[in-house]
Protein backbone atom coordinates (compact mmCIF):
# COMPACT_ATOMS: atom_id res chain seq x y z
CA MET A 1 -31.93 14.38 66.20
CA CYS A 2 -33.22 15.90 69.42
CA PRO A 3 -36.49 14.74 70.99
CA LEU A 4 -39.61 16.58 69.86
CA SER A 5 -42.79 17.41 71.73
CA ILE A 6 -45.74 18.42 69.55
CA TYR A 7 -48.27 20.60 71.38
CA VAL A 8 -51.51 21.13 69.47
CA LEU A 9 -54.24 23.51 70.62
CA VAL A 10 -57.41 22.75 68.67
CA ASP A 11 -59.97 25.46 69.36
CA ALA A 12 -63.40 24.07 70.38
CA LEU A 13 -62.34 20.41 70.28
CA GLY A 14 -64.82 19.43 72.96
CA TRP A 15 -65.03 16.13 74.80
CA GLU A 16 -68.54 15.59 73.46
CA ILE A 17 -67.12 15.97 69.94
CA VAL A 18 -64.33 13.38 70.28
CA ARG A 19 -65.67 10.85 72.75
CA THR A 20 -67.83 9.05 70.16
CA ARG A 21 -65.59 9.64 67.13
CA PRO A 22 -62.17 8.28 66.17
CA PHE A 23 -59.38 10.81 66.58
CA LEU A 24 -55.85 9.44 66.61
CA ASP A 25 -56.96 6.77 69.07
CA ASP A 26 -53.87 4.65 68.38
CA VAL A 27 -51.52 7.59 69.01
CA LEU A 28 -53.22 9.63 71.74
CA VAL A 29 -53.75 6.86 74.27
CA ASP A 30 -54.33 8.97 77.41
CA ARG A 31 -57.61 10.86 76.97
CA ARG A 32 -59.05 13.26 79.55
CA ARG A 33 -62.12 15.47 79.64
CA LEU A 34 -61.37 18.88 81.11
CA VAL A 35 -63.63 21.45 82.72
CA THR A 36 -63.12 24.88 81.16
CA VAL A 37 -63.46 28.39 82.59
CA LEU A 38 -66.45 30.68 82.23
CA GLY A 39 -66.07 32.84 79.16
CA TYR A 40 -64.59 32.59 75.71
CA SER A 41 -61.25 31.83 74.08
CA SER A 42 -60.00 35.28 75.07
CA GLY A 43 -59.93 33.99 78.66
CA ALA A 44 -59.60 30.23 78.22
CA ILE A 45 -56.48 30.20 76.04
CA PRO A 46 -54.50 32.43 78.44
CA THR A 47 -55.62 30.02 81.17
CA LEU A 48 -54.22 27.08 79.19
CA LEU A 49 -50.94 28.88 78.56
CA SER A 50 -50.46 30.18 82.11
CA GLY A 51 -52.12 27.59 84.34
CA ARG A 52 -54.01 30.42 86.01
CA TYR A 53 -57.63 31.47 86.18
CA PRO A 54 -58.73 34.69 84.44
CA SER A 55 -58.89 36.50 87.79
CA GLN A 56 -55.19 35.68 88.19
CA HIS A 57 -53.79 36.28 84.69
CA GLY A 58 -56.12 39.20 83.91
CA HIS A 59 -57.39 38.14 80.47
CA TRP A 60 -61.10 37.44 80.24
CA ASN A 61 -63.60 38.93 77.79
CA LEU A 62 -62.21 40.76 74.80
CA PHE A 63 -63.64 44.17 75.84
CA TYR A 64 -63.32 45.78 79.25
CA LEU A 65 -64.06 49.22 80.68
CA SER A 66 -61.07 51.57 80.48
CA PRO A 67 -61.87 54.96 78.93
CA GLN A 68 -58.48 56.41 79.92
CA ARG A 69 -56.53 53.79 77.91
CA SER A 70 -59.02 52.98 75.18
CA PRO A 71 -57.47 52.59 71.71
CA PHE A 72 -60.71 54.13 70.44
CA ARG A 73 -60.37 57.45 72.31
CA TRP A 74 -59.87 59.27 69.03
CA THR A 75 -63.41 58.28 67.93
CA ARG A 76 -65.19 60.25 70.67
CA GLY A 77 -66.38 62.89 68.23
CA LEU A 78 -67.82 60.29 65.88
CA GLY A 79 -70.55 59.42 68.37
CA ARG A 80 -72.24 62.74 67.64
CA LEU A 81 -72.55 62.02 63.92
CA PRO A 82 -75.69 60.48 62.39
CA ARG A 83 -75.66 56.71 62.90
CA ARG A 84 -75.82 56.00 59.18
CA LEU A 85 -72.42 57.67 58.73
CA VAL A 86 -70.58 55.59 61.33
CA GLU A 87 -72.60 52.40 61.78
CA ASN A 88 -71.78 50.89 58.41
CA ARG A 89 -69.26 48.34 57.21
CA VAL A 90 -66.87 50.80 55.56
CA ALA A 91 -66.72 53.18 58.52
CA ARG A 92 -66.31 50.38 61.05
CA ARG A 93 -63.53 48.78 59.02
CA ALA A 94 -61.73 52.13 58.94
CA ILE A 95 -62.19 52.62 62.69
CA LYS A 96 -60.73 49.19 63.38
CA HIS A 97 -57.76 49.75 61.05
CA VAL A 98 -56.86 53.19 62.41
CA SER A 99 -57.34 52.14 66.03
CA ARG A 100 -55.09 49.14 65.64
CA ARG A 101 -52.33 51.19 64.04
CA LEU A 102 -52.55 53.94 66.65
CA SER A 103 -52.58 51.49 69.56
CA GLY A 104 -49.71 49.32 68.40
CA TYR A 105 -51.55 46.25 69.70
CA THR A 106 -50.27 43.00 68.19
CA GLY A 107 -52.82 40.58 69.65
CA TYR A 108 -56.30 39.72 68.42
CA PHE A 109 -58.04 42.96 67.45
CA SER A 110 -61.71 43.33 66.52
CA ILE A 111 -64.57 45.72 67.26
CA TYR A 112 -67.32 43.27 66.27
CA ASP A 113 -70.66 45.13 66.48
CA TYR A 114 -69.91 47.31 69.51
CA PRO A 115 -71.62 50.68 68.98
CA VAL A 116 -69.24 53.37 67.76
CA ALA A 117 -70.70 55.77 70.32
CA THR A 118 -69.52 53.61 73.25
CA LEU A 119 -66.23 52.29 71.81
CA PRO A 120 -64.14 55.06 73.46
CA ARG A 121 -65.09 53.65 76.86
CA PHE A 122 -63.55 50.24 76.14
CA ASP A 123 -60.09 48.75 75.88
CA LEU A 124 -59.12 45.38 74.40
CA THR A 125 -57.66 42.62 76.53
CA GLU A 126 -55.22 41.05 74.08
CA LYS A 127 -52.68 43.80 73.51
CA ARG A 128 -49.81 41.50 72.58
CA ASP A 129 -49.40 38.20 70.75
CA ILE A 130 -50.10 35.66 73.48
CA TYR A 131 -48.22 32.95 71.57
CA GLN A 132 -44.91 34.70 72.20
CA PRO A 133 -42.94 35.37 75.40
CA GLY A 134 -44.30 38.45 77.16
CA GLY A 135 -47.74 37.99 75.64
CA LEU A 136 -49.38 37.75 79.07
CA ASP A 137 -48.78 39.76 82.22
CA CYS A 138 -47.68 36.56 83.95
CA PRO A 139 -45.34 33.75 82.85
CA SER A 140 -46.78 31.58 80.09
CA LEU A 141 -45.61 28.37 78.45
CA PHE A 142 -43.53 30.42 76.01
CA ASP A 143 -41.86 32.44 78.76
CA ARG A 144 -40.94 29.21 80.54
CA LEU A 145 -39.50 27.65 77.39
CA GLN A 146 -37.47 30.75 76.64
CA ALA A 147 -36.17 31.03 80.22
CA ALA A 148 -35.08 27.38 80.15
CA GLY A 149 -33.32 27.79 76.81
CA ILE A 150 -35.63 25.31 75.11
CA ALA A 151 -35.93 25.93 71.38
CA TRP A 152 -39.50 26.06 70.11
CA GLU A 153 -41.56 26.99 67.08
CA ALA A 154 -45.17 28.21 67.13
CA TYR A 155 -47.60 28.43 64.22
CA THR A 156 -50.91 30.20 64.76
CA TYR A 157 -53.64 32.19 63.01
CA HIS A 158 -51.41 35.28 63.07
CA GLY A 159 -49.82 34.10 59.82
CA HIS A 160 -51.31 30.83 58.61
CA THR A 161 -54.60 29.10 58.01
CA ASP A 162 -55.15 25.65 59.49
CA ALA A 163 -54.54 24.08 56.08
CA GLU A 164 -51.23 25.93 55.78
CA ILE A 165 -50.17 24.90 59.28
CA LEU A 166 -50.95 21.24 58.65
CA ALA A 167 -49.12 21.43 55.31
CA LEU A 168 -45.91 22.88 56.72
CA ALA A 169 -45.86 21.13 60.11
CA PRO A 170 -44.77 17.66 58.87
CA ARG A 171 -41.61 19.13 57.34
CA ARG A 172 -40.90 21.17 60.45
CA ALA A 173 -41.50 18.10 62.63
CA ALA A 174 -38.96 16.17 60.58
CA GLU A 175 -36.30 18.85 60.12
CA SER A 176 -36.51 21.32 62.99
CA GLU A 177 -33.89 21.43 65.73
CA ALA A 178 -36.53 22.78 68.11
CA ARG A 179 -37.63 20.63 71.03
CA VAL A 180 -41.22 21.94 70.94
CA LEU A 181 -43.52 22.42 67.97
CA PHE A 182 -46.65 24.37 68.98
CA LEU A 183 -49.62 24.43 66.61
CA TYR A 184 -52.80 26.43 67.17
CA LEU A 185 -55.63 25.26 64.90
CA SER A 186 -58.59 27.64 64.98
CA GLY A 187 -60.74 26.49 62.08
CA LEU A 188 -62.71 23.75 63.85
CA ASP A 189 -64.28 26.37 66.10
CA HIS A 190 -65.49 28.33 63.06
CA TYR A 191 -66.92 25.18 61.48
CA LEU A 192 -68.76 24.11 64.63
CA HIS A 193 -70.32 27.54 65.10
CA TYR A 194 -72.17 26.93 61.84
CA HIS A 195 -72.49 23.14 61.64
CA VAL A 196 -72.44 21.57 65.11
CA HIS A 197 -75.88 20.02 64.43
CA ASP A 198 -74.54 18.19 61.36
CA ALA A 199 -73.18 14.99 62.93
CA ALA A 200 -71.86 13.58 59.66
CA GLY A 201 -70.24 16.87 58.73
CA VAL A 202 -68.56 17.16 62.13
CA THR A 203 -67.21 13.62 61.77
CA GLU A 204 -65.83 14.45 58.33
CA ARG A 205 -64.21 17.67 59.50
CA LEU A 206 -62.68 15.94 62.53
CA ALA A 207 -61.27 13.26 60.22
CA TRP A 208 -59.58 16.00 58.19
CA TYR A 209 -57.80 17.29 61.30
CA GLU A 210 -56.96 13.73 62.33
CA ALA A 211 -55.34 13.03 58.97
CA GLY A 212 -53.34 16.25 59.10
CA LEU A 213 -52.05 15.63 62.60
CA ARG A 214 -51.22 12.02 61.75
CA ARG A 215 -48.96 13.28 58.97
CA VAL A 216 -47.20 15.51 61.49
CA TRP A 217 -46.80 12.60 63.91
CA GLU A 218 -45.53 10.17 61.28
CA ALA A 219 -43.06 12.68 59.85
CA ALA A 220 -41.62 13.29 63.30
CA ARG A 221 -41.43 9.58 64.12
CA ALA A 222 -39.66 8.84 60.85
CA ALA A 223 -36.99 11.45 61.57
CA ARG A 224 -36.30 10.93 65.28
CA GLY A 225 -36.78 8.34 67.97
CA ASP A 226 -38.33 10.32 70.81
CA VAL A 227 -41.60 12.03 69.86
CA ARG A 228 -44.54 12.96 72.05
CA MET A 229 -47.82 14.62 71.10
CA PHE A 230 -50.30 16.46 73.31
CA VAL A 231 -53.58 17.70 71.83
CA PHE A 232 -55.71 19.97 74.00
CA SER A 233 -58.52 22.48 73.70
CA ASP A 234 -59.92 25.56 75.36
CA HIS A 235 -63.63 24.64 75.42
CA GLY A 236 -66.29 22.64 73.62
CA MET A 237 -69.30 23.73 71.58
CA THR A 238 -72.93 23.76 72.74
CA PRO A 239 -75.73 23.39 70.18
CA VAL A 240 -77.92 26.50 70.06
CA ARG A 241 -81.63 25.84 70.55
CA TRP A 242 -83.08 29.31 71.06
CA THR A 243 -82.22 32.96 70.47
CA TYR A 244 -83.26 35.88 72.64
CA ASP A 245 -83.00 39.65 72.28
CA LEU A 246 -82.11 40.67 75.82
CA GLY A 247 -81.15 44.15 74.68
CA ARG A 248 -84.78 44.77 73.77
CA ASP A 249 -85.87 43.94 77.31
CA VAL A 250 -83.22 46.17 78.84
CA GLY A 251 -83.94 48.99 76.40
CA ALA A 252 -87.59 48.99 77.44
CA LEU A 253 -86.57 50.01 80.97
CA GLY A 254 -86.06 53.58 79.83
CA LEU A 255 -82.54 53.88 81.24
CA ARG A 256 -79.94 56.12 79.64
CA VAL A 257 -76.64 54.95 78.11
CA PRO A 258 -74.11 55.88 79.38
CA ALA A 259 -75.56 58.16 82.07
CA ASP A 260 -77.32 55.34 83.94
CA TYR A 261 -75.50 52.24 82.75
CA LEU A 262 -73.25 50.80 80.04
CA PRO A 263 -74.04 47.37 78.56
CA ALA A 264 -71.87 44.80 76.80
CA TYR A 265 -73.92 42.08 75.15
CA ASP A 266 -71.79 39.04 74.43
CA SER A 267 -73.06 35.84 72.84
CA THR A 268 -73.96 34.07 76.10
CA MET A 269 -73.78 36.77 78.72
CA ALA A 270 -74.63 40.40 79.30
CA ARG A 271 -72.27 42.56 81.31
CA PHE A 272 -73.34 45.84 82.85
CA TRP A 273 -71.56 48.79 84.42
CA ILE A 274 -74.15 50.55 86.57
CA PHE A 275 -73.83 54.20 87.55
CA THR A 276 -77.14 55.10 89.28
CA ASP A 277 -79.33 53.54 91.94
CA ARG A 278 -82.26 53.76 89.53
CA ALA A 279 -80.44 51.65 86.97
CA ARG A 280 -79.32 49.11 89.56
CA ALA A 281 -82.85 48.63 90.84
CA ALA A 282 -84.37 48.34 87.36
CA LEU A 283 -81.76 45.91 86.02
CA THR A 284 -81.87 43.75 89.12
CA ASP A 285 -85.65 43.58 88.97
CA LEU A 286 -85.54 42.53 85.31
CA LEU A 287 -82.69 40.03 85.48
CA ALA A 288 -82.99 38.45 88.92
CA ASP A 289 -85.80 36.17 87.78
CA HIS A 290 -85.40 36.19 84.01
CA PRO A 291 -86.43 32.97 82.18
CA CYS A 292 -83.34 32.92 79.95
CA GLY A 293 -80.62 33.01 82.58
CA ALA A 294 -79.41 34.27 85.91
CA LEU A 295 -77.41 37.01 87.56
CA LEU A 296 -74.25 35.46 89.01
CA ASP A 297 -73.28 36.61 92.49
CA GLN A 298 -69.79 37.36 93.75
CA ALA A 299 -69.41 33.97 95.44
CA GLU A 300 -70.11 32.08 92.22
CA LEU A 301 -67.97 34.39 90.09
CA SER A 302 -65.10 34.02 92.56
CA ARG A 303 -65.47 30.23 92.57
CA LEU A 304 -65.29 30.24 88.78
CA GLY A 305 -62.16 32.41 88.82
CA VAL A 306 -63.69 35.38 87.00
CA TRP A 307 -64.24 37.89 89.81
CA PHE A 308 -62.25 41.12 89.33
CA ASP A 309 -61.92 43.55 92.22
CA ASP A 310 -61.42 46.54 89.91
CA ASP A 311 -64.77 45.97 88.13
CA ARG A 312 -63.18 46.39 84.72
CA TYR A 313 -65.11 43.50 83.17
CA TYR A 314 -68.50 44.18 84.78
CA HIS A 315 -70.46 45.46 87.75
CA ALA A 316 -73.19 42.87 87.14
CA LEU A 317 -73.09 39.75 84.98
CA PHE A 318 -76.10 37.93 83.53
CA LEU A 319 -75.38 34.46 82.11
CA VAL A 320 -77.86 32.74 79.81
CA LYS A 321 -78.76 29.08 80.08
CA PRO A 322 -77.04 26.51 77.86
CA GLY A 323 -78.45 26.53 74.35
CA VAL A 324 -79.67 30.14 74.47
CA LEU A 325 -77.96 32.66 72.21
CA LEU A 326 -78.19 36.39 72.83
CA CYS A 327 -79.25 37.72 69.47
CA PRO A 328 -78.62 40.32 68.31
CA SER A 329 -75.64 41.14 70.49
CA HIS A 330 -72.54 43.29 70.35
CA MET A 331 -70.78 40.28 68.84
CA GLY A 332 -72.97 40.27 65.74
CA SER A 333 -76.36 39.27 64.42
CA VAL A 334 -75.80 35.83 62.92
CA ARG A 335 -77.82 32.96 64.36
CA PHE A 336 -75.09 30.42 64.91
CA ALA A 337 -75.79 26.71 65.23
CA GLY A 338 -73.33 26.37 68.10
CA MET A 339 -71.84 28.60 70.77
CA HIS A 340 -69.53 28.41 73.77
CA GLY A 341 -69.25 30.59 76.84
CA TYR A 342 -71.94 28.91 78.95
CA HIS A 343 -71.56 27.79 82.56
CA PRO A 344 -68.60 25.38 82.87
CA SER A 345 -70.91 22.78 84.44
CA GLU A 346 -72.51 22.29 81.01
CA PRO A 347 -71.10 18.96 79.64
CA THR A 348 -70.87 20.25 76.06
CA ALA A 349 -68.51 22.97 77.35
CA ASP A 350 -65.87 20.43 78.37
CA ALA A 351 -62.45 20.60 76.72
CA VAL A 352 -59.96 17.74 76.23
CA LEU A 353 -56.39 16.66 76.80
CA LEU A 354 -55.24 13.83 74.53
CA ALA A 355 -51.67 12.56 74.99
CA SER A 356 -49.43 10.00 73.32
CA THR A 357 -47.91 9.16 76.68
CA ALA A 358 -49.41 8.52 80.09
CA VAL A 359 -50.13 11.69 82.03
CA ASP A 360 -48.86 11.16 85.56
CA ARG A 361 -50.93 13.67 87.45
CA SER A 362 -54.68 13.90 87.84
CA VAL A 363 -55.90 16.33 85.22
CA ASP A 364 -59.53 17.47 85.07
CA HIS A 365 -59.39 21.22 84.39
CA ILE A 366 -57.77 23.37 81.71
CA THR A 367 -55.67 25.06 84.42
CA HIS A 368 -53.78 21.75 84.71
CA VAL A 369 -52.58 21.56 81.10
CA LEU A 370 -49.55 23.79 81.63
CA ASP A 371 -48.29 21.50 84.41
CA VAL A 372 -48.49 18.54 82.02
CA LEU A 373 -46.49 20.38 79.36
CA LEU A 374 -43.90 21.62 81.85
CA ASP A 375 -43.52 18.08 83.21
CA ASP A 376 -42.97 16.92 79.64
CA GLN A 377 -40.03 19.32 79.39
CA GLY A 378 -38.69 18.49 82.84
CA LEU A 379 -39.63 21.90 84.19
CA GLY A 380 -41.42 22.72 87.43
CA ARG A 381 -43.92 25.49 87.99
CA ALA A 382 -42.05 28.75 88.48
CA GLU A 383 -44.18 29.95 91.38
CA PRO A 384 -47.15 28.62 93.35
CA LEU A 385 -50.61 29.86 92.50
CA ALA A 386 -52.12 32.22 95.06
CA GLY A 387 -55.81 32.55 95.64
CA ALA A 388 -56.91 29.82 93.27
CA PRO A 389 -60.69 29.37 93.15
CA THR A 390 -62.19 26.34 94.82
CA ALA A 391 -64.31 23.72 93.09
CA GLY A 392 -65.82 20.34 93.65
CA ALA A 393 -63.78 17.17 93.43
CA ASP A 394 -64.56 16.82 89.73
CA GLY A 395 -63.82 20.45 88.98
CA ARG A 396 -67.50 21.31 88.81
CA ALA A 397 -69.81 23.15 91.16
CA PRO A 398 -69.55 22.20 94.83
CA ALA A 399 -72.63 20.95 96.59
CA GLY A 400 -75.21 23.68 96.97
CA VAL A 401 -74.19 25.59 93.83
CA PRO A 402 -76.79 24.80 91.17
CA ALA A 403 -75.91 24.53 87.51
CA LEU A 404 -78.01 26.52 85.10
CA GLU A 405 -80.81 24.56 83.49
CA PRO A 406 -82.02 24.91 79.88
CA ALA A 407 -84.45 27.76 79.35
CA ALA A 408 -87.94 27.61 78.03
CA ARG A 409 -88.17 28.83 74.45
CA GLY A 410 -87.79 32.59 74.48
CA ARG A 411 -88.96 35.26 72.15
CA GLY A 412 -86.23 36.76 70.12
CA GLY A 413 -84.48 37.41 66.89
CA GLU A 414 -83.54 34.79 64.37
CA ASP A 415 -79.86 35.60 64.38
CA GLY A 416 -77.17 35.10 66.99
CA GLY A 417 -74.06 36.76 68.27
CA ARG A 418 -70.54 35.99 67.19
CA GLU A 419 -67.65 35.27 69.50
CA HIS A 420 -63.95 35.11 68.77
CA ALA A 421 -62.41 31.72 69.08
CA GLY A 422 -59.53 32.05 66.72
CA ALA A 423 -61.28 33.43 63.68
CA GLY A 424 -58.76 35.19 61.50
CA ARG A 425 -55.62 34.53 59.51
CA PRO A 426 -53.12 32.24 61.34
CA ALA A 427 -48.83 32.90 61.67
CA PRO A 428 -45.68 31.43 63.04
CA GLY A 429 -43.58 32.58 65.91
CA ARG A 430 -40.16 31.30 66.80
CA ALA A 431 -37.85 31.43 69.75
CA ALA A 432 -34.64 29.65 70.49
């Protein structure tokens, strides 16, 4: 049978999770810690698949400002109704369902806890299935495989749970004529959000994934002579130590939404579009010396690869310190045990690349994973990267750029925000 490369994306499989625990150590002999990008899976996974930073491939946070193209334009009249009629589970589920059908979007689609009144001002980043050719606005791994005529199969949350993927993958690894088997396992991220503090539980859950992937490896090895496996991740998971209600602080400024500003409260950052000088002065005064985080300037955002000239993702960005959870936020009101989306210099944010064969090139950032996979298939990068951000030799902040330090305990709610990292029902894609 033909050679088989098994590419496994395990959401939130951080270096700090695997470095002290067994995880296919006898199979995955080359083990690298990788610096991630600022943000969440909605930006990090496209970076893995394209080898580009968010500022280059265009995908970053799930929501961005685009009232002209918003899939929620039809809800504009709902904002005038009493809140109790629209801000409830049934109404929000209906809004999500109708908006998805009207938009035709096939990627990850959720409205989380974004206020219905402001939804018509936002569009969603992931309009297409990013695990298929054409899923990004630049060439991805799947575009490259298709262009080279390399047969592949992909199984993701769009149709299968992790358990279903790990149950079907051994048979596909043994029988498929494809040269690439791509598996996206999203459930570890969900588990760590709730249980990252439970060391024994994390070890047990990791062992479950190890056993499942070992079955895939052994089935492939029994059926064919040439098998390689690459396991990689988008980010790690940082234990949450404090929660803080930043929206309460901002609300006390007396500014008007949306006349003065428009906020987007994510789990670890607050993004603002600012429309008046009064709002800019008030927000800057509040956030420039806030104990829970810092406003990031253009130089730092550019260095991190998340500066966008069209301002669609923010006018101003406030990032909390590692271990702080914005709660409540527009992502929800659950106080999670773990979160990601902190500054990439935070060690618990580090991702991994684990390979069954030696990786020839120096790899220390998630932007490098695509090169490794293309090398595995004997393919070169289609085009050089232009305008790539600069970083220190280890992929972290250059000298003079301070990393954010942990915050003092803040006031705040008892619950935390929720961020997508593959939550949902996983599904297979195929191309030949």
